Protein backbone atom coordinates (compact mmCIF):
# COMPACT_ATOMS: atom_id res chain seq x y z
CA UNK A 1 -64.67 -5.93 -47.08
CA UNK A 2 -61.30 -4.33 -46.35
CA UNK A 3 -58.85 -6.59 -44.60
CA UNK A 4 -56.13 -4.89 -42.60
CA UNK A 5 -53.05 -6.22 -40.88
CA UNK A 6 -50.57 -4.24 -38.84
CA UNK A 7 -47.06 -5.44 -38.30
CA UNK A 8 -45.68 -3.20 -35.53
CA UNK A 9 -42.53 -2.56 -33.43
CA UNK A 10 -40.26 -3.54 -36.39
CA UNK A 11 -36.91 -2.54 -37.66
CA UNK A 12 -37.76 -1.88 -41.30
CA UNK A 13 -35.08 -2.35 -43.98
CA UNK A 14 -35.94 -1.48 -47.55
CA UNK A 15 -32.98 -1.44 -49.99
CA UNK A 16 -35.21 -0.06 -52.69
CA UNK A 17 -35.39 3.22 -50.81
CA UNK A 18 -32.35 2.82 -48.53
CA UNK A 19 -34.75 2.96 -45.61
CA UNK A 20 -33.74 1.83 -42.13
CA UNK A 21 -36.10 2.91 -39.46
CA UNK A 22 -38.29 1.60 -36.63
CA UNK A 23 -41.98 1.52 -37.18
CA UNK A 24 -45.01 -0.39 -38.47
CA UNK A 25 -46.26 -1.65 -41.77
CA UNK A 26 -50.05 -1.35 -42.45
CA UNK A 27 -51.36 -3.90 -45.03
CA UNK A 28 -54.64 -3.42 -46.70
CA UNK A 29 -56.04 -5.82 -49.23
CA UNK A 30 -52.65 -7.29 -49.99
CA UNK A 31 -50.77 -4.12 -50.38
CA UNK A 32 -48.70 -1.85 -48.22
CA UNK A 33 -50.91 1.13 -47.17
CA UNK A 34 -48.41 2.78 -44.89
CA UNK A 35 -44.98 2.07 -43.53
CA UNK A 36 -42.42 3.44 -41.12
CA UNK A 37 -42.41 5.41 -37.92
CA UNK A 38 -45.31 7.56 -39.04
CA UNK A 39 -47.47 4.46 -39.54
CA UNK A 40 -46.65 3.41 -35.97
CA UNK A 41 -47.55 6.72 -34.52
CA UNK A 42 -50.93 6.65 -36.28
CA UNK A 43 -51.95 3.55 -34.40
CA UNK A 44 -53.92 0.57 -35.80
CA UNK A 45 -57.18 0.95 -37.73
CA UNK A 46 -60.30 -0.48 -35.92
CA UNK A 47 -60.68 -4.30 -36.55
CA UNK A 48 -57.10 -4.72 -37.82
CA UNK A 49 -55.12 -7.88 -37.09
CA UNK A 50 -52.12 -6.79 -34.99
CA UNK A 51 -48.79 -8.57 -35.12
CA UNK A 52 -46.06 -7.60 -32.63
CA UNK A 53 -42.74 -7.88 -34.34
CA UNK A 54 -40.55 -6.65 -31.60
CA UNK A 55 -36.93 -7.64 -32.07
CA UNK A 56 -37.67 -8.58 -35.75
CA UNK A 57 -36.45 -7.00 -39.01
CA UNK A 58 -38.96 -6.46 -41.77
CA UNK A 59 -37.53 -6.72 -45.24
CA UNK A 60 -38.92 -7.22 -48.82
CA UNK A 61 -39.54 -10.80 -49.47
CA UNK A 62 -36.47 -12.45 -50.97
CA UNK A 63 -36.28 -12.95 -54.80
CA UNK A 64 -34.35 -16.07 -55.96
CA UNK A 65 -33.44 -15.86 -59.57
CA UNK A 66 -32.11 -19.39 -60.06
CA UNK A 67 -34.29 -22.32 -58.89
CA UNK A 68 -34.54 -25.83 -60.36
CA UNK A 69 -37.63 -27.84 -59.87
CA UNK A 70 -38.49 -31.36 -60.95
CA UNK A 71 -41.80 -30.64 -62.48
CA UNK A 72 -42.47 -31.68 -65.12
CA UNK A 73 -40.59 -34.99 -65.38
CA UNK A 74 -38.94 -35.52 -61.96
CA UNK A 75 -41.62 -34.72 -59.40
CA UNK A 76 -40.07 -37.14 -56.96
CA UNK A 77 -37.19 -34.64 -56.56
CA UNK A 78 -39.29 -31.45 -56.26
CA UNK A 79 -42.66 -30.15 -57.35
CA UNK A 80 -43.76 -26.57 -57.91
CA UNK A 81 -45.78 -26.90 -54.75
CA UNK A 82 -43.11 -28.34 -52.64
CA UNK A 83 -40.56 -25.80 -53.86
CA UNK A 84 -42.97 -22.99 -52.93
CA UNK A 85 -43.30 -24.27 -49.47
CA UNK A 86 -39.49 -24.53 -49.12
CA UNK A 87 -39.23 -21.02 -50.46
CA UNK A 88 -41.69 -19.66 -47.89
CA UNK A 89 -39.71 -21.30 -45.07
CA UNK A 90 -36.64 -19.54 -46.24
CA UNK A 91 -38.22 -16.13 -46.58
CA UNK A 92 -38.40 -16.29 -50.43
CA UNK A 93 -41.62 -14.82 -51.79
CA UNK A 94 -40.70 -14.86 -55.53
CA UNK A 95 -38.44 -17.16 -57.55
CA UNK A 96 -37.62 -17.90 -61.17
CA UNK A 97 -37.63 -21.52 -62.32
CA UNK A 98 -35.17 -22.86 -64.76
CA UNK A 99 -36.22 -24.63 -67.94
CA UNK A 100 -34.21 -27.85 -67.29
CA UNK A 101 -37.25 -30.09 -67.01
CA UNK A 102 -38.49 -33.10 -68.97
CA UNK A 103 -39.81 -31.86 -71.37
CA UNK A 104 -37.79 -28.73 -71.55
CA UNK A 105 -39.60 -25.38 -71.04
CA UNK A 106 -39.23 -24.31 -74.69
CA UNK A 107 -42.73 -23.69 -75.89
CA UNK A 108 -45.82 -21.75 -74.89
CA UNK A 109 -47.79 -24.71 -73.59
CA UNK A 110 -45.07 -25.57 -70.97
CA UNK A 111 -44.75 -21.92 -69.85
CA UNK A 112 -48.45 -21.93 -69.30
CA UNK A 113 -48.24 -25.20 -67.48
CA UNK A 114 -45.74 -23.85 -64.96
CA UNK A 115 -47.89 -20.71 -64.50
CA UNK A 116 -51.07 -22.67 -64.00
CA UNK A 117 -49.55 -24.98 -61.49
CA UNK A 118 -48.04 -22.01 -59.72
CA UNK A 119 -51.43 -20.24 -59.52
CA UNK A 120 -53.26 -23.46 -58.42
CA UNK A 121 -50.69 -24.98 -55.97
CA UNK A 122 -47.90 -22.52 -55.01
CA UNK A 123 -47.95 -20.27 -51.94
CA UNK A 124 -45.28 -17.92 -53.34
CA UNK A 125 -44.83 -16.02 -56.64
CA UNK A 126 -43.27 -18.23 -59.35
CA UNK A 127 -42.06 -16.99 -62.72
CA UNK A 128 -40.69 -19.32 -65.44
CA UNK A 129 -37.57 -18.55 -67.46
CA UNK A 130 -37.86 -20.24 -70.85
CA UNK A 131 -35.19 -22.10 -72.76
CA UNK A 132 -32.87 -19.92 -74.95
CA UNK A 133 -32.57 -22.74 -77.44
CA UNK A 134 -34.84 -25.61 -78.34
CA UNK A 135 -34.19 -28.55 -76.07
CA UNK A 136 -31.36 -26.54 -74.49
CA UNK A 137 -29.23 -27.97 -77.34
CA UNK A 138 -27.59 -24.62 -78.04
CA UNK A 139 -28.31 -24.53 -81.78
CA UNK A 140 -31.82 -23.25 -82.58
CA UNK A 141 -33.37 -20.27 -80.91
CA UNK A 142 -36.82 -20.48 -79.30
CA UNK A 143 -39.66 -18.10 -80.06
CA UNK A 144 -38.78 -15.27 -77.67
CA UNK A 145 -41.70 -12.98 -78.38
CA UNK A 146 -44.40 -15.66 -77.92
CA UNK A 147 -42.70 -17.12 -74.87
CA UNK A 148 -42.43 -13.67 -73.18
CA UNK A 149 -46.05 -12.97 -73.98
CA UNK A 150 -46.94 -16.30 -72.32
CA UNK A 151 -45.17 -15.27 -69.15
CA UNK A 152 -41.40 -16.07 -69.44
CA UNK A 153 -39.37 -13.44 -67.63
CA UNK A 154 -35.95 -14.44 -68.97
CA UNK A 155 -34.20 -16.77 -71.33
CA UNK A 156 -31.48 -19.21 -70.28
CA UNK A 157 -29.86 -22.52 -71.18
CA UNK A 158 -30.10 -23.56 -67.55
CA UNK A 159 -27.28 -25.83 -66.62
CA UNK A 160 -26.05 -26.00 -70.22
CA UNK A 161 -23.44 -23.42 -71.31
CA UNK A 162 -23.83 -21.84 -74.79
CA UNK A 163 -20.89 -22.82 -77.14
CA UNK A 164 -22.18 -21.30 -80.39
CA UNK A 165 -21.16 -17.67 -80.34
CA UNK A 166 -23.09 -16.85 -83.47
CA UNK A 167 -26.34 -18.25 -82.09
CA UNK A 168 -25.66 -16.34 -78.87
CA UNK A 169 -25.19 -13.10 -80.76
CA UNK A 170 -28.45 -13.53 -82.63
CA UNK A 171 -30.21 -14.48 -79.42
CA UNK A 172 -29.06 -11.38 -77.62
CA UNK A 173 -29.98 -9.15 -80.59
CA UNK A 174 -33.42 -10.78 -80.82
CA UNK A 175 -34.00 -10.59 -77.05
CA UNK A 176 -33.14 -6.91 -77.06
CA UNK A 177 -36.14 -6.19 -79.18
CA UNK A 178 -38.33 -7.56 -76.35
CA UNK A 179 -36.28 -6.06 -73.41
CA UNK A 180 -35.55 -9.54 -72.22
CA UNK A 181 -32.57 -10.77 -70.22
CA UNK A 182 -30.30 -13.58 -71.33
CA UNK A 183 -28.96 -15.43 -68.33
CA UNK A 184 -26.19 -17.93 -68.80
CA UNK A 185 -23.85 -20.18 -66.87
CA UNK A 186 -20.31 -19.93 -68.32
CA UNK A 187 -18.35 -23.11 -68.63
CA UNK A 188 -15.94 -24.02 -71.51
CA UNK A 189 -16.94 -27.14 -73.35
CA UNK A 190 -13.47 -28.64 -73.47
CA UNK A 191 -11.28 -26.84 -70.92
CA UNK A 192 -13.56 -27.75 -68.03
CA UNK A 193 -14.45 -31.19 -69.41
CA UNK A 194 -14.12 -33.96 -66.87
CA UNK A 195 -13.32 -31.53 -63.99
CA UNK A 196 -15.28 -32.43 -60.86
CA UNK A 197 -13.86 -29.86 -58.34
CA UNK A 198 -11.56 -26.80 -58.35
CA UNK A 199 -8.24 -27.48 -59.92
CA UNK A 200 -5.41 -27.16 -57.46
CA UNK A 201 -3.45 -28.99 -54.78
CA UNK A 202 -6.52 -30.29 -52.85
CA UNK A 203 -7.84 -31.99 -56.12
CA UNK A 204 -4.41 -33.64 -56.64
CA UNK A 205 -4.45 -34.95 -52.98
CA UNK A 206 -7.96 -36.34 -53.40
CA UNK A 207 -7.09 -37.89 -56.77
CA UNK A 208 -9.92 -35.90 -58.60
CA UNK A 209 -9.77 -34.09 -61.89
CA UNK A 210 -9.91 -30.35 -61.52
CA UNK A 211 -11.65 -27.51 -63.35
CA UNK A 212 -9.48 -24.37 -63.79
CA UNK A 213 -10.97 -20.91 -63.27
CA UNK A 214 -10.17 -20.19 -66.95
CA UNK A 215 -12.99 -22.72 -67.83
CA UNK A 216 -15.32 -20.12 -66.35
CA UNK A 217 -13.56 -16.87 -67.34
CA UNK A 218 -12.90 -17.49 -71.02
CA UNK A 219 -16.56 -18.05 -72.03
CA UNK A 220 -17.66 -15.34 -69.71
CA UNK A 221 -15.28 -12.81 -71.37
CA UNK A 222 -16.75 -13.93 -74.71
CA UNK A 223 -20.28 -13.50 -73.53
CA UNK A 224 -19.56 -10.01 -72.20
CA UNK A 225 -18.12 -8.94 -75.51
CA UNK A 226 -21.09 -10.31 -77.41
CA UNK A 227 -23.42 -8.50 -75.01
CA UNK A 228 -21.66 -5.28 -75.91
CA UNK A 229 -21.76 -5.98 -79.63
CA UNK A 230 -25.48 -6.95 -79.52
CA UNK A 231 -26.40 -4.26 -77.01
CA UNK A 232 -28.48 -6.80 -75.22
CA UNK A 233 -29.22 -7.47 -71.58
CA UNK A 234 -26.86 -10.24 -70.28
CA UNK A 235 -26.74 -11.85 -66.84
CA UNK A 236 -23.95 -14.13 -65.87
CA UNK A 237 -26.06 -16.57 -63.78
CA UNK A 238 -23.38 -17.61 -61.24
CA UNK A 239 -19.76 -16.82 -61.11
CA UNK A 240 -17.20 -18.20 -58.67
CA UNK A 241 -13.80 -16.57 -59.13
CA UNK A 242 -12.67 -12.91 -58.55
CA UNK A 243 -11.39 -12.61 -62.19
CA UNK A 244 -14.97 -13.17 -63.30
CA UNK A 245 -16.25 -10.33 -61.06
CA UNK A 246 -13.52 -8.06 -62.42
CA UNK A 247 -14.47 -8.99 -66.00
CA UNK A 248 -18.13 -8.00 -65.37
CA UNK A 249 -17.03 -4.81 -63.74
CA UNK A 250 -14.94 -3.80 -66.76
CA UNK A 251 -17.82 -4.70 -69.18
CA UNK A 252 -20.11 -2.39 -67.13
CA UNK A 253 -17.54 0.32 -67.36
CA UNK A 254 -17.51 -0.08 -71.18
CA UNK A 255 -21.24 0.56 -71.07
CA UNK A 256 -22.51 -2.99 -71.65
CA UNK A 257 -25.92 -3.84 -70.01
CA UNK A 258 -24.59 -6.73 -67.98
CA UNK A 259 -25.05 -8.06 -64.40
CA UNK A 260 -23.92 -11.10 -62.44
CA UNK A 261 -24.97 -13.46 -59.68
CA UNK A 262 -23.32 -15.80 -57.22
CA UNK A 263 -24.69 -18.75 -55.32
CA UNK A 264 -24.80 -18.51 -51.59
CA UNK A 265 -22.68 -21.72 -51.53
CA UNK A 266 -19.81 -19.91 -53.17
CA UNK A 267 -19.98 -17.09 -50.62
CA UNK A 268 -19.98 -19.26 -47.51
CA UNK A 269 -18.25 -22.54 -48.41
CA UNK A 270 -14.90 -23.57 -50.03
CA UNK A 271 -13.20 -26.58 -51.50
CA UNK A 272 -12.02 -27.76 -48.14
CA UNK A 273 -15.61 -28.52 -47.20
CA UNK A 274 -15.61 -31.43 -49.66
CA UNK A 275 -13.62 -33.29 -47.01
CA UNK A 276 -13.74 -37.09 -47.59
CA UNK A 277 -15.54 -36.95 -51.03
CA UNK A 278 -18.82 -35.48 -49.64
CA UNK A 279 -20.98 -35.38 -52.79
CA UNK A 280 -23.38 -32.80 -51.31
CA UNK A 281 -20.54 -30.34 -51.90
CA UNK A 282 -20.21 -31.31 -55.58
CA UNK A 283 -21.53 -28.19 -57.40
CA UNK A 284 -21.18 -26.46 -60.74
CA UNK A 285 -19.24 -24.23 -60.77
CA UNK A 286 -17.12 -26.07 -58.23
CA UNK A 287 -16.37 -24.66 -54.76
CA UNK A 288 -13.23 -22.64 -55.02
CA UNK A 289 -10.36 -21.91 -52.60
CA UNK A 290 -10.82 -19.79 -49.39
CA UNK A 291 -8.91 -16.76 -51.02
CA UNK A 292 -11.43 -16.84 -53.86
CA UNK A 293 -14.43 -17.05 -51.48
CA UNK A 294 -13.18 -14.02 -49.53
CA UNK A 295 -12.49 -12.06 -52.66
CA UNK A 296 -16.05 -12.81 -53.94
CA UNK A 297 -17.56 -11.68 -50.59
CA UNK A 298 -15.59 -8.38 -50.97
CA UNK A 299 -16.90 -7.98 -54.54
CA UNK A 300 -20.43 -8.57 -53.29
CA UNK A 301 -20.06 -5.98 -50.55
CA UNK A 302 -18.73 -3.40 -53.12
CA UNK A 303 -21.72 -4.12 -55.37
CA UNK A 304 -19.62 -5.56 -58.22
CA UNK A 305 -21.57 -8.78 -57.84
CA UNK A 306 -25.26 -7.83 -58.24
CA UNK A 307 -27.26 -10.65 -56.70
CA UNK A 308 -27.22 -13.81 -54.65
CA UNK A 309 -29.00 -16.98 -55.68
CA UNK A 310 -29.69 -20.25 -53.95
CA UNK A 311 -29.17 -22.25 -57.09
CA UNK A 312 -31.63 -24.68 -55.53
CA UNK A 313 -31.11 -27.98 -57.39
CA UNK A 314 -32.77 -30.99 -55.80
CA UNK A 315 -31.12 -34.39 -56.21
CA UNK A 316 -32.02 -37.76 -54.80
CA UNK A 317 -30.01 -40.77 -53.45
CA UNK A 318 -29.75 -42.20 -56.90
CA UNK A 319 -27.79 -39.25 -58.22
CA UNK A 320 -25.84 -38.20 -55.02
CA UNK A 321 -25.01 -41.45 -53.19
CA UNK A 322 -22.33 -42.28 -55.72
CA UNK A 323 -18.50 -41.86 -55.93
CA UNK A 324 -17.77 -38.12 -55.96
CA UNK A 325 -16.72 -38.04 -59.69
CA UNK A 326 -19.97 -39.82 -60.70
CA UNK A 327 -22.41 -37.89 -58.50
CA UNK A 328 -24.64 -35.22 -59.96
CA UNK A 329 -23.85 -31.54 -59.34
CA UNK A 330 -26.23 -29.50 -57.23
CA UNK A 331 -27.63 -28.83 -53.78
CA UNK A 332 -30.89 -27.47 -52.37
CA UNK A 333 -30.81 -23.97 -51.02
CA UNK A 334 -34.13 -22.18 -50.82
CA UNK A 335 -34.46 -22.84 -47.04
CA UNK A 336 -30.82 -21.93 -46.14
CA UNK A 337 -29.96 -19.08 -48.41
CA UNK A 338 -31.07 -16.34 -45.97
CA UNK A 339 -29.49 -17.97 -42.92
CA UNK A 340 -26.21 -18.67 -44.73
CA UNK A 341 -26.15 -15.02 -46.02
CA UNK A 342 -26.58 -13.76 -42.43
CA UNK A 343 -23.22 -15.32 -41.64
CA UNK A 344 -21.63 -12.57 -43.79
CA UNK A 345 -23.58 -9.89 -41.78
CA UNK A 346 -22.65 -11.42 -38.43
CA UNK A 347 -18.96 -11.51 -39.47
CA UNK A 348 -19.08 -7.92 -40.49
CA UNK A 349 -18.02 -8.63 -44.10
CA UNK A 350 -21.21 -7.41 -45.82
CA UNK A 351 -23.57 -4.75 -44.50
CA UNK A 352 -27.08 -6.04 -43.93
CA UNK A 353 -28.63 -3.53 -46.36
CA UNK A 354 -26.34 -4.67 -49.10
CA UNK A 355 -27.17 -8.31 -48.40
CA UNK A 356 -30.91 -7.69 -48.59
CA UNK A 357 -30.43 -5.64 -51.82
CA UNK A 358 -28.62 -8.62 -53.34
CA UNK A 359 -31.34 -11.04 -52.06
CA UNK A 360 -34.44 -9.06 -52.98
CA UNK A 361 -34.38 -5.55 -54.55
CA UNK A 362 -31.58 -6.02 -57.18
CA UNK A 363 -32.84 -9.35 -58.61
CA UNK A 364 -36.33 -7.91 -58.90
CA UNK A 365 -34.89 -4.98 -60.81
CA UNK A 366 -32.82 -7.03 -63.19
CA UNK A 367 -35.61 -9.38 -64.18
CA UNK A 368 -38.42 -6.72 -64.06
CA UNK A 369 -40.44 -8.36 -61.34
CA UNK A 370 -43.08 -6.83 -59.10
CA UNK A 371 -41.12 -7.45 -55.98
CA UNK A 372 -38.14 -6.34 -53.84
CA UNK A 373 -39.69 -3.21 -52.31
CA UNK A 374 -41.67 -2.12 -49.24
CA UNK A 375 -42.87 1.12 -50.92
CA UNK A 376 -46.42 2.28 -50.08
CA UNK A 377 -48.74 0.69 -52.66
CA UNK A 378 -46.45 -2.17 -53.42
CA UNK A 379 -47.66 -5.82 -53.02
CA UNK A 380 -47.16 -6.81 -49.38
CA UNK A 381 -44.42 -9.48 -49.94
CA UNK A 382 -42.59 -9.33 -46.69
CA UNK A 383 -40.15 -11.45 -44.64
CA UNK A 384 -39.86 -10.98 -40.91
CA UNK A 385 -36.31 -11.98 -39.79
CA UNK A 386 -34.88 -12.70 -36.39
CA UNK A 387 -31.15 -12.06 -37.05
CA UNK A 388 -30.14 -13.63 -33.72
CA UNK A 389 -32.22 -16.79 -33.72
CA UNK A 390 -29.93 -19.82 -33.27
CA UNK A 391 -30.93 -23.05 -35.08
CA UNK A 392 -29.55 -26.33 -36.36
CA UNK A 393 -30.18 -27.26 -39.98
CA UNK A 394 -31.17 -30.91 -39.44
CA UNK A 395 -32.46 -32.92 -42.26
CA UNK A 396 -36.01 -33.33 -40.65
CA UNK A 397 -36.41 -29.49 -40.76
CA UNK A 398 -36.34 -29.32 -44.49
CA UNK A 399 -39.55 -28.90 -46.40
CA UNK A 400 -37.99 -29.66 -49.78
CA UNK A 401 -38.60 -33.19 -51.12
CA UNK A 402 -34.89 -33.57 -51.56
CA UNK A 403 -32.35 -33.29 -48.73
CA UNK A 404 -29.04 -32.74 -50.62
CA UNK A 405 -27.93 -29.78 -48.61
CA UNK A 406 -24.31 -28.81 -48.04
CA UNK A 407 -25.46 -27.26 -44.79
CA UNK A 408 -26.60 -30.51 -43.15
CA UNK A 409 -26.22 -30.12 -39.36
CA UNK A 410 -24.83 -26.63 -39.81
CA UNK A 411 -25.32 -24.14 -36.99
CA UNK A 412 -26.87 -20.78 -38.11
CA UNK A 413 -27.67 -17.60 -36.40
CA UNK A 414 -30.67 -15.84 -37.89
CA UNK A 415 -33.72 -17.05 -40.02
CA UNK A 416 -37.02 -16.09 -41.34
CA UNK A 417 -39.70 -16.08 -38.66
CA UNK A 418 -42.71 -15.23 -40.87
CA UNK A 419 -43.32 -14.86 -44.56
CA UNK A 420 -46.13 -12.76 -46.18
CA UNK A 421 -47.16 -12.96 -49.80
CA UNK A 422 -49.65 -10.37 -50.94
CA UNK A 423 -50.40 -9.73 -47.18
CA UNK A 424 -51.24 -13.39 -46.43
CA UNK A 425 -49.02 -15.20 -43.98
CA UNK A 426 -47.74 -18.22 -45.85
CA UNK A 427 -45.15 -19.34 -43.34
CA UNK A 428 -44.64 -19.01 -39.54
CA UNK A 429 -41.89 -20.60 -37.52
CA UNK A 430 -44.34 -21.13 -34.66
């Protein structure tokens, strides 16, 4: 029996086709049957469920390319199921999990474990990234071909940088044969050692050790050169300083197949937010200065930074309620990524179409995912957004098992009102 839903009276924004028009979306059997002003003029098929979206924006469901979950090994922080519910509440319909679990996602059985749990328990689409090296130790490559066949969509060392350039070159060359992306965080093993916040005057005032921008830039420059040498697909998982964006831009101009991402935290927060040693703002890479933040926003608007990630990293009281230097890095972000990004729209710094491209279409393209588009025939993964809805990010609102958000009690304007996955409504604000 055909099931039809019609979402009408919407402003439709689809970065995959640069589409911005008013109209309807007709969903049949989990896929988009018709969309746009023409669909609205045709009216609703008999027996269809009608949803009036007046005042709302319809966009492709968000795609988050950097999400840490606790399962397996630390389910008290986050499970695949709880992360999926948090994602739906934030308008995220697809996300990629990092392999930093216990045990590490470095063999076929564990990739299959993630996929099975996602099928059985999750309400959004979940894809695992497999470990680039066994145990994330940075020395011995994993079996890329077998892991990709099992369902891994990328290879990464998660929170751990790669220090062995020869292993990285081999990995990029090997991954090229499978068309796979290598996604890495860049952090120098020695230069950034011991740094717990951005190196500068504020760190000195707070009596904390700093991490210089060169600790990110030097290994990034190396990785970009190796990517060009190996002719592989390389993604800088999260950069934080304008020199890094410039380095990626230059590598693209040289013809290297490289892209980069930035966490929403580094686009909307700066080092001053740390205040009196607030550990929810202890991140890796560290929050930078306000001039750096503004420069990164400009780079995003120009398209030099490809995607935005939440870098969702649940931590509990045992790892966060500690002296700043001893606290774990990381913050949750699935539920606030969209709302925080809308700050850049409301301020006029980044066009809304570019924001949605960085949050949905572009990450889907980079990692080869069936997502990020509202084209007819595509799976109906859709987020309905009220860009003007005011709300307060209180702790009791969060679905995530962990509450370590840097946006606690933050005032936002705009949020996801409803989230659809394959045509099924998996979240509604009401």
